[in-house]
Amino acid sequence: MKMLEENLNKKVSLLLKDNRTLEGILSGYDDHMNMVLDEVEENSEETTKKIGTVVIRGSNVVRIVPL
């Protein structure tokens, strides 16, 4: 939780259980590690898609990396 607090309003990269990688600005989170990211891009092996704002369930996150 401390890492989330330190990176609030900063760019982070999330690895999800389905092997997708999302990069965006962490704009909020809760006690269950559910997160809101703004200006999100989904990166896969071949493409990059701009998504916008997303809400990610904390149980779907494998890794969080500050950028």
PDB file of N, CA and C in Angstrom:
ATOM      1  N   MET A   1       0.821  -1.196   0.000  1.00  0.00           N
ATOM      2  CA  MET A   1       0.000   0.000   0.000  1.00  0.00           C
ATOM      3  C   MET A   1       0.867   1.262   0.000  1.00  0.00           C
ATOM      4  N   LYS A   2       2.017   1.188   0.662  1.00  0.00           N
ATOM      5  CA  LYS A   2       2.902   2.351   0.696  1.00  0.00           C
ATOM      6  C   LYS A   2       3.388   2.698  -0.716  1.00  0.00           C
ATOM      7  N   MET A   3       3.693   1.665  -1.513  1.00  0.00           N
ATOM      8  CA  MET A   3       4.146   1.891  -2.876  1.00  0.00           C
ATOM      9  C   MET A   3       3.060   2.578  -3.696  1.00  0.00           C
ATOM     10  N   LEU A   4       1.801   2.186  -3.504  1.00  0.00           N
ATOM     11  CA  LEU A   4       0.699   2.832  -4.222  1.00  0.00           C
ATOM     12  C   LEU A   4       0.589   4.296  -3.807  1.00  0.00           C
ATOM     13  N   GLU A   5       0.685   4.548  -2.512  1.00  0.00           N
ATOM     14  CA  GLU A   5       0.588   5.923  -2.019  1.00  0.00           C
ATOM     15  C   GLU A   5       1.706   6.796  -2.587  1.00  0.00           C
ATOM     16  N   GLU A   6       2.920   6.253  -2.643  1.00  0.00           N
ATOM     17  CA  GLU A   6       4.060   7.010  -3.152  1.00  0.00           C
ATOM     18  C   GLU A   6       3.949   7.295  -4.651  1.00  0.00           C
ATOM     19  N   ASN A   7       3.208   6.461  -5.374  1.00  0.00           N
ATOM     20  CA  ASN A   7       3.113   6.615  -6.823  1.00  0.00           C
ATOM     21  C   ASN A   7       1.775   7.162  -7.288  1.00  0.00           C
ATOM     22  N   LEU A   8       0.980   7.686  -6.372  1.00  0.00           N
ATOM     23  CA  LEU A   8      -0.279   8.304  -6.729  1.00  0.00           C
ATOM     24  C   LEU A   8      -0.010   9.494  -7.642  1.00  0.00           C
ATOM     25  N   ASN A   9      -0.759   9.586  -8.728  1.00  0.00           N
ATOM     26  CA  ASN A   9      -0.609  10.633  -9.757  1.00  0.00           C
ATOM     27  C   ASN A   9       0.709  10.532 -10.520  1.00  0.00           C
ATOM     28  N   LYS A  10       1.299   9.350 -10.528  1.00  0.00           N
ATOM     29  CA  LYS A  10       2.510   9.093 -11.313  1.00  0.00           C
ATOM     30  C   LYS A  10       2.246   7.919 -12.248  1.00  0.00           C
ATOM     31  N   LYS A  11       3.103   7.772 -13.245  1.00  0.00           N
ATOM     32  CA  LYS A  11       2.937   6.712 -14.230  1.00  0.00           C
ATOM     33  C   LYS A  11       3.405   5.371 -13.668  1.00  0.00           C
ATOM     34  N   VAL A  12       2.583   4.326 -13.867  1.00  0.00           N
ATOM     35  CA  VAL A  12       2.909   2.975 -13.427  1.00  0.00           C
ATOM     36  C   VAL A  12       2.608   1.997 -14.557  1.00  0.00           C
ATOM     37  N   SER A  13       3.200   0.816 -14.444  1.00  0.00           N
ATOM     38  CA  SER A  13       2.940  -0.268 -15.375  1.00  0.00           C
ATOM     39  C   SER A  13       2.375  -1.434 -14.570  1.00  0.00           C
ATOM     40  N   LEU A  14       1.269  -2.009 -15.047  1.00  0.00           N
ATOM     41  CA  LEU A  14       0.644  -3.149 -14.383  1.00  0.00           C
ATOM     42  C   LEU A  14       0.725  -4.365 -15.283  1.00  0.00           C
ATOM     43  N   LEU A  15       1.167  -5.492 -14.735  1.00  0.00           N
ATOM     44  CA  LEU A  15       1.077  -6.766 -15.428  1.00  0.00           C
ATOM     45  C   LEU A  15      -0.156  -7.463 -14.882  1.00  0.00           C
ATOM     46  N   LEU A  16      -1.081  -7.839 -15.760  1.00  0.00           N
ATOM     47  CA  LEU A  16      -2.317  -8.489 -15.355  1.00  0.00           C
ATOM     48  C   LEU A  16      -2.208 -10.000 -15.496  1.00  0.00           C
ATOM     49  N   LYS A  17      -3.120 -10.723 -14.845  1.00  0.00           N
ATOM     50  CA  LYS A  17      -3.116 -12.185 -14.878  1.00  0.00           C
ATOM     51  C   LYS A  17      -3.204 -12.747 -16.289  1.00  0.00           C
ATOM     52  N   ASP A  18      -3.850 -12.025 -17.200  1.00  0.00           N
ATOM     53  CA  ASP A  18      -3.984 -12.510 -18.582  1.00  0.00           C
ATOM     54  C   ASP A  18      -2.801 -12.088 -19.461  1.00  0.00           C
ATOM     55  N   ASN A  19      -1.698 -11.675 -18.833  1.00  0.00           N
ATOM     56  CA  ASN A  19      -0.441 -11.291 -19.485  1.00  0.00           C
ATOM     57  C   ASN A  19      -0.512  -9.990 -20.270  1.00  0.00           C
ATOM     58  N   ARG A  20      -1.562  -9.202 -20.085  1.00  0.00           N
ATOM     59  CA  ARG A  20      -1.589  -7.872 -20.689  1.00  0.00           C
ATOM     60  C   ARG A  20      -0.806  -6.926 -19.794  1.00  0.00           C
ATOM     61  N   THR A  21      -0.238  -5.899 -20.393  1.00  0.00           N
ATOM     62  CA  THR A  21       0.462  -4.857 -19.649  1.00  0.00           C
ATOM     63  C   THR A  21      -0.258  -3.540 -19.886  1.00  0.00           C
ATOM     64  N   LEU A  22      -0.619  -2.868 -18.807  1.00  0.00           N
ATOM     65  CA  LEU A  22      -1.256  -1.559 -18.887  1.00  0.00           C
ATOM     66  C   LEU A  22      -0.311  -0.525 -18.299  1.00  0.00           C
ATOM     67  N   GLU A  23      -0.150   0.593 -19.001  1.00  0.00           N
ATOM     68  CA  GLU A  23       0.642   1.705 -18.487  1.00  0.00           C
ATOM     69  C   GLU A  23      -0.251   2.924 -18.420  1.00  0.00           C
ATOM     70  N   GLY A  24      -0.233   3.593 -17.269  1.00  0.00           N
ATOM     71  CA  GLY A  24      -1.036   4.787 -17.111  1.00  0.00           C
ATOM     72  C   GLY A  24      -0.720   5.499 -15.817  1.00  0.00           C
ATOM     73  N   ILE A  25      -1.452   6.556 -15.568  1.00  0.00           N
ATOM     74  CA  ILE A  25      -1.247   7.365 -14.364  1.00  0.00           C
ATOM     75  C   ILE A  25      -2.186   6.865 -13.274  1.00  0.00           C
ATOM     76  N   LEU A  26      -1.621   6.467 -12.146  1.00  0.00           N
ATOM     77  CA  LEU A  26      -2.397   5.972 -11.016  1.00  0.00           C
ATOM     78  C   LEU A  26      -3.127   7.135 -10.360  1.00  0.00           C
ATOM     79  N   SER A  27      -4.443   7.177 -10.533  1.00  0.00           N
ATOM     80  CA  SER A  27      -5.190   8.310  -9.972  1.00  0.00           C
ATOM     81  C   SER A  27      -5.964   7.952  -8.708  1.00  0.00           C
ATOM     82  N   GLY A  28      -6.044   6.660  -8.372  1.00  0.00           N
ATOM     83  CA  GLY A  28      -6.724   6.275  -7.143  1.00  0.00           C
ATOM     84  C   GLY A  28      -6.614   4.787  -6.873  1.00  0.00           C
ATOM     85  N   TYR A  29      -6.851   4.409  -5.617  1.00  0.00           N
ATOM     86  CA  TYR A  29      -6.840   2.999  -5.215  1.00  0.00           C
ATOM     87  C   TYR A  29      -7.609   2.870  -3.909  1.00  0.00           C
ATOM     88  N   ASP A  30      -7.933   1.619  -3.538  1.00  0.00           N
ATOM     89  CA  ASP A  30      -8.625   1.394  -2.270  1.00  0.00           C
ATOM     90  C   ASP A  30      -7.910   0.308  -1.472  1.00  0.00           C
ATOM     91  N   ASP A  31      -8.514  -0.106  -0.352  1.00  0.00           N
ATOM     92  CA  ASP A  31      -7.891  -1.091   0.538  1.00  0.00           C
ATOM     93  C   ASP A  31      -7.741  -2.470  -0.096  1.00  0.00           C
ATOM     94  N   HIS A  32      -8.512  -2.752  -1.153  1.00  0.00           N
ATOM     95  CA  HIS A  32      -8.445  -4.044  -1.835  1.00  0.00           C
ATOM     96  C   HIS A  32      -7.483  -4.000  -3.021  1.00  0.00           C
ATOM     97  N   MET A  33      -6.771  -2.897  -3.164  1.00  0.00           N
ATOM     98  CA  MET A  33      -5.832  -2.643  -4.252  1.00  0.00           C
ATOM     99  C   MET A  33      -6.518  -2.527  -5.608  1.00  0.00           C
ATOM    100  N   ASN A  34      -7.823  -2.242  -5.605  1.00  0.00           N
ATOM    101  CA  ASN A  34      -8.481  -1.871  -6.846  1.00  0.00           C
ATOM    102  C   ASN A  34      -7.920  -0.512  -7.223  1.00  0.00           C
ATOM    103  N   MET A  35      -7.671  -0.304  -8.524  1.00  0.00           N
ATOM    104  CA  MET A  35      -6.990   0.914  -8.945  1.00  0.00           C
ATOM    105  C   MET A  35      -7.720   1.609 -10.082  1.00  0.00           C
ATOM    106  N   VAL A  36      -7.585   2.922 -10.126  1.00  0.00           N
ATOM    107  CA  VAL A  36      -8.073   3.729 -11.241  1.00  0.00           C
ATOM    108  C   VAL A  36      -6.845   4.301 -11.929  1.00  0.00           C
ATOM    109  N   LEU A  37      -6.745   4.060 -13.239  1.00  0.00           N
ATOM    110  CA  LEU A  37      -5.638   4.586 -14.032  1.00  0.00           C
ATOM    111  C   LEU A  37      -6.188   5.478 -15.129  1.00  0.00           C
ATOM    112  N   ASP A  38      -5.522   6.604 -15.353  1.00  0.00           N
ATOM    113  CA  ASP A  38      -5.874   7.536 -16.424  1.00  0.00           C
ATOM    114  C   ASP A  38      -4.827   7.433 -17.535  1.00  0.00           C
ATOM    115  N   GLU A  39      -5.223   7.858 -18.736  1.00  0.00           N
ATOM    116  CA  GLU A  39      -4.325   7.887 -19.901  1.00  0.00           C
ATOM    117  C   GLU A  39      -3.653   6.536 -20.127  1.00  0.00           C
ATOM    118  N   VAL A  40      -4.468   5.471 -20.094  1.00  0.00           N
ATOM    119  CA  VAL A  40      -3.952   4.102 -20.146  1.00  0.00           C
ATOM    120  C   VAL A  40      -3.648   3.668 -21.577  1.00  0.00           C
ATOM    121  N   GLU A  41      -2.521   2.977 -21.716  1.00  0.00           N
ATOM    122  CA  GLU A  41      -2.159   2.297 -22.954  1.00  0.00           C
ATOM    123  C   GLU A  41      -1.992   0.824 -22.637  1.00  0.00           C
ATOM    124  N   GLU A  42      -2.598  -0.022 -23.472  1.00  0.00           N
ATOM    125  CA  GLU A  42      -2.440  -1.467 -23.333  1.00  0.00           C
ATOM    126  C   GLU A  42      -1.350  -1.910 -24.292  1.00  0.00           C
ATOM    127  N   ASN A  43      -0.324  -2.540 -23.762  1.00  0.00           N
ATOM    128  CA  ASN A  43       0.798  -2.995 -24.582  1.00  0.00           C
ATOM    129  C   ASN A  43       0.775  -4.512 -24.665  1.00  0.00           C
ATOM    130  N   SER A  44       0.784  -5.009 -25.890  1.00  0.00           N
ATOM    131  CA  SER A  44       0.938  -6.446 -26.105  1.00  0.00           C
ATOM    132  C   SER A  44       2.205  -6.638 -26.924  1.00  0.00           C
ATOM    133  N   GLU A  45       2.488  -7.860 -27.299  1.00  0.00           N
ATOM    134  CA  GLU A  45       3.729  -8.140 -28.026  1.00  0.00           C
ATOM    135  C   GLU A  45       3.784  -7.400 -29.349  1.00  0.00           C
ATOM    136  N   GLU A  46       2.619  -7.177 -29.974  1.00  0.00           N
ATOM    137  CA  GLU A  46       2.616  -6.624 -31.321  1.00  0.00           C
ATOM    138  C   GLU A  46       2.043  -5.214 -31.423  1.00  0.00           C
ATOM    139  N   THR A  47       1.147  -4.834 -30.512  1.00  0.00           N
ATOM    140  CA  THR A  47       0.449  -3.563 -30.673  1.00  0.00           C
ATOM    141  C   THR A  47       0.386  -2.774 -29.377  1.00  0.00           C
ATOM    142  N   THR A  48       0.063  -1.495 -29.537  1.00  0.00           N
ATOM    143  CA  THR A  48      -0.211  -0.612 -28.407  1.00  0.00           C
ATOM    144  C   THR A  48      -1.547   0.064 -28.673  1.00  0.00           C
ATOM    145  N   LYS A  49      -2.472  -0.027 -27.694  1.00  0.00           N
ATOM    146  CA  LYS A  49      -3.792   0.600 -27.829  1.00  0.00           C
ATOM    147  C   LYS A  49      -3.978   1.631 -26.738  1.00  0.00           C
ATOM    148  N   LYS A  50      -4.465   2.802 -27.117  1.00  0.00           N
ATOM    149  CA  LYS A  50      -4.823   3.811 -26.117  1.00  0.00           C
ATOM    150  C   LYS A  50      -6.247   3.511 -25.659  1.00  0.00           C
ATOM    151  N   ILE A  51      -6.434   3.407 -24.342  1.00  0.00           N
ATOM    152  CA  ILE A  51      -7.735   3.032 -23.791  1.00  0.00           C
ATOM    153  C   ILE A  51      -8.416   4.199 -23.093  1.00  0.00           C
ATOM    154  N   GLY A  52      -7.671   5.027 -22.379  1.00  0.00           N
ATOM    155  CA  GLY A  52      -8.262   6.119 -21.612  1.00  0.00           C
ATOM    156  C   GLY A  52      -8.224   5.807 -20.133  1.00  0.00           C
ATOM    157  N   THR A  53      -9.363   5.956 -19.451  1.00  0.00           N
ATOM    158  CA  THR A  53      -9.456   5.706 -18.008  1.00  0.00           C
ATOM    159  C   THR A  53     -10.022   4.321 -17.760  1.00  0.00           C
ATOM    160  N   VAL A  54      -9.403   3.565 -16.842  1.00  0.00           N
ATOM    161  CA  VAL A  54      -9.871   2.219 -16.504  1.00  0.00           C
ATOM    162  C   VAL A  54      -9.876   2.019 -14.993  1.00  0.00           C
ATOM    163  N   VAL A  55     -10.719   1.096 -14.559  1.00  0.00           N
ATOM    164  CA  VAL A  55     -10.736   0.631 -13.167  1.00  0.00           C
ATOM    165  C   VAL A  55     -10.281  -0.818 -13.202  1.00  0.00           C
ATOM    166  N   ILE A  56      -9.239  -1.141 -12.446  1.00  0.00           N
ATOM    167  CA  ILE A  56      -8.663  -2.486 -12.431  1.00  0.00           C
ATOM    168  C   ILE A  56      -8.916  -3.120 -11.070  1.00  0.00           C
ATOM    169  N   ARG A  57      -9.473  -4.314 -11.096  1.00  0.00           N
ATOM    170  CA  ARG A  57      -9.677  -5.060  -9.853  1.00  0.00           C
ATOM    171  C   ARG A  57      -8.314  -5.531  -9.339  1.00  0.00           C
ATOM    172  N   GLY A  58      -8.053  -5.295  -8.077  1.00  0.00           N
ATOM    173  CA  GLY A  58      -6.749  -5.607  -7.492  1.00  0.00           C
ATOM    174  C   GLY A  58      -6.349  -7.062  -7.618  1.00  0.00           C
ATOM    175  N   SER A  59      -7.318  -7.978  -7.593  1.00  0.00           N
ATOM    176  CA  SER A  59      -7.002  -9.406  -7.684  1.00  0.00           C
ATOM    177  C   SER A  59      -6.515  -9.812  -9.073  1.00  0.00           C
ATOM    178  N   ASN A  60      -6.662  -8.951 -10.071  1.00  0.00           N
ATOM    179  CA  ASN A  60      -6.188  -9.253 -11.428  1.00  0.00           C
ATOM    180  C   ASN A  60      -4.757  -8.777 -11.667  1.00  0.00           C
ATOM    181  N   VAL A  61      -4.181  -8.073 -10.707  1.00  0.00           N
ATOM    182  CA  VAL A  61      -2.841  -7.498 -10.889  1.00  0.00           C
ATOM    183  C   VAL A  61      -1.787  -8.459 -10.353  1.00  0.00           C
ATOM    184  N   VAL A  62      -0.793  -8.767 -11.192  1.00  0.00           N
ATOM    185  CA  VAL A  62       0.312  -9.626 -10.810  1.00  0.00           C
ATOM    186  C   VAL A  62       1.486  -8.793 -10.308  1.00  0.00           C
ATOM    187  N   ARG A  63       1.754  -7.665 -11.013  1.00  0.00           N
ATOM    188  CA  ARG A  63       2.922  -6.843 -10.685  1.00  0.00           C
ATOM    189  C   ARG A  63       2.647  -5.381 -10.967  1.00  0.00           C
ATOM    190  N   ILE A  64       3.164  -4.509 -10.112  1.00  0.00           N
ATOM    191  CA  ILE A  64       3.069  -3.059 -10.300  1.00  0.00           C
ATOM    192  C   ILE A  64       4.491  -2.519 -10.338  1.00  0.00           C
ATOM    193  N   VAL A  65       4.804  -1.744 -11.396  1.00  0.00           N
ATOM    194  CA  VAL A  65       6.137  -1.182 -11.543  1.00  0.00           C
ATOM    195  C   VAL A  65       6.020   0.323 -11.758  1.00  0.00           C
ATOM    196  N   PRO A  66       6.624   1.142 -10.903  1.00  0.00           N
ATOM    197  CA  PRO A  66       6.636   2.591 -11.143  1.00  0.00           C
ATOM    198  C   PRO A  66       7.510   2.892 -12.368  1.00  0.00           C
ATOM    199  N   LEU A  67       7.079   3.861 -13.165  1.00  0.00           N
ATOM    200  CA  LEU A  67       7.857   4.235 -14.355  1.00  0.00           C
ATOM    201  C   LEU A  67       8.491   5.603 -14.179  1.00  0.00           C
TER     202      LEU A  67
END
